[in-house]
């Protein structure tokens, strides 16, 4: 079975980002890059220079690599992939 057949439906990322862009602008950037997906960003912790975020993206086929690329483009770092929901839409019996 090829990874191309697996559809990621939901991913939760632990992200550390600089204070700028703010959480709203950061979420807008992610939403723009993940066409057709819903993006939820929760600020977990704030210090003088950074914010810790939980980023949840859901959709029919979440572009995980693109999401991570955009996160890195904002100066943020993905600490971990905390949750993933995926499905294989093709039956092995076909």
Protein backbone atom coordinates (compact mmCIF):
# COMPACT_ATOMS: atom_id res chain seq x y z
CA UNK A 1 0.00 0.00 0.00
CA UNK A 2 1.31 3.43 -0.94
CA UNK A 3 1.38 6.41 1.42
CA UNK A 4 -0.34 8.31 -1.42
CA UNK A 5 -3.51 6.37 -0.59
CA UNK A 6 -3.57 7.46 3.05
CA UNK A 7 -5.60 10.60 3.77
CA UNK A 8 -4.71 12.58 6.89
CA UNK A 9 -7.98 13.81 8.38
CA UNK A 10 -6.61 15.51 11.50
CA UNK A 11 -3.22 16.47 12.88
CA UNK A 12 -2.28 18.16 16.16
CA UNK A 13 1.10 19.89 16.35
CA UNK A 14 3.00 21.30 19.33
CA UNK A 15 4.52 24.56 18.04
CA UNK A 16 6.84 27.16 19.52
CA UNK A 17 6.69 30.52 17.74
CA UNK A 18 7.99 34.04 18.22
CA UNK A 19 5.45 36.57 19.52
CA UNK A 20 5.08 37.94 15.98
CA UNK A 21 3.10 37.12 13.97
CA UNK A 22 0.39 37.12 16.62
CA UNK A 23 -1.86 34.06 16.98
CA UNK A 24 -4.57 35.49 14.72
CA UNK A 25 -2.20 36.32 11.85
CA UNK A 26 -0.42 32.97 12.32
CA UNK A 27 -3.77 31.15 12.07
CA UNK A 28 -4.72 33.13 8.96
CA UNK A 29 -1.46 32.10 7.27
CA UNK A 30 -2.05 28.44 8.09
CA UNK A 31 -5.68 28.55 6.97
CA UNK A 32 -4.72 30.14 3.66
CA UNK A 33 -2.15 27.42 2.99
CA UNK A 34 -4.47 24.57 3.98
CA UNK A 35 -7.30 25.20 1.56
CA UNK A 36 -10.49 23.44 2.57
CA UNK A 37 -9.22 22.65 6.07
CA UNK A 38 -10.25 23.98 9.45
CA UNK A 39 -7.42 25.34 11.61
CA UNK A 40 -7.63 25.71 15.39
CA UNK A 41 -4.78 27.37 17.31
CA UNK A 42 -4.66 27.35 21.10
CA UNK A 43 -2.08 29.46 22.93
CA UNK A 44 -0.83 27.27 25.75
CA UNK A 45 1.93 29.41 27.21
CA UNK A 46 3.44 32.85 26.64
CA UNK A 47 6.80 34.18 27.78
CA UNK A 48 8.70 37.36 26.95
CA UNK A 49 9.75 36.20 23.46
CA UNK A 50 7.72 33.14 22.44
CA UNK A 51 4.33 31.45 22.51
CA UNK A 52 3.69 27.74 22.82
CA UNK A 53 0.76 26.66 20.66
CA UNK A 54 -1.32 23.58 19.99
CA UNK A 55 -2.26 23.65 16.32
CA UNK A 56 -5.06 21.38 15.13
CA UNK A 57 -5.83 21.04 11.42
CA UNK A 58 -8.79 18.98 10.19
CA UNK A 59 -10.07 18.30 6.71
CA UNK A 60 -10.60 15.70 4.01
CA UNK A 61 -6.89 15.55 3.15
CA UNK A 62 -4.72 17.72 5.42
CA UNK A 63 -1.52 18.85 3.62
CA UNK A 64 0.75 18.14 6.60
CA UNK A 65 4.03 18.87 4.79
CA UNK A 66 2.68 22.20 3.52
CA UNK A 67 1.41 23.14 7.00
CA UNK A 68 4.83 22.43 8.54
CA UNK A 69 6.52 24.43 5.77
CA UNK A 70 4.30 27.45 6.48
CA UNK A 71 4.88 27.15 10.23
CA UNK A 72 8.64 27.18 9.68
CA UNK A 73 8.25 30.15 7.33
CA UNK A 74 6.85 32.21 10.20
CA UNK A 75 9.98 31.54 12.27
CA UNK A 76 8.22 28.92 14.39
CA UNK A 77 9.32 25.37 15.18
CA UNK A 78 7.26 22.19 15.28
CA UNK A 79 8.24 20.47 18.53
CA UNK A 80 6.17 17.36 17.93
CA UNK A 81 3.27 15.78 16.11
CA UNK A 82 1.01 14.92 19.03
CA UNK A 83 -2.00 13.37 17.29
CA UNK A 84 -2.84 12.08 13.83
CA UNK A 85 -6.06 10.69 12.40
CA UNK A 86 -5.81 9.11 8.96
CA UNK A 87 -7.82 6.85 6.72
CA UNK A 88 -7.25 4.59 3.77
CA UNK A 89 -10.19 5.29 1.45
CA UNK A 90 -9.35 2.31 -0.75
CA UNK A 91 -10.38 -1.12 0.41
CA UNK A 92 -7.64 -3.78 0.27
CA UNK A 93 -10.26 -6.16 -1.10
CA UNK A 94 -10.74 -4.26 -4.34
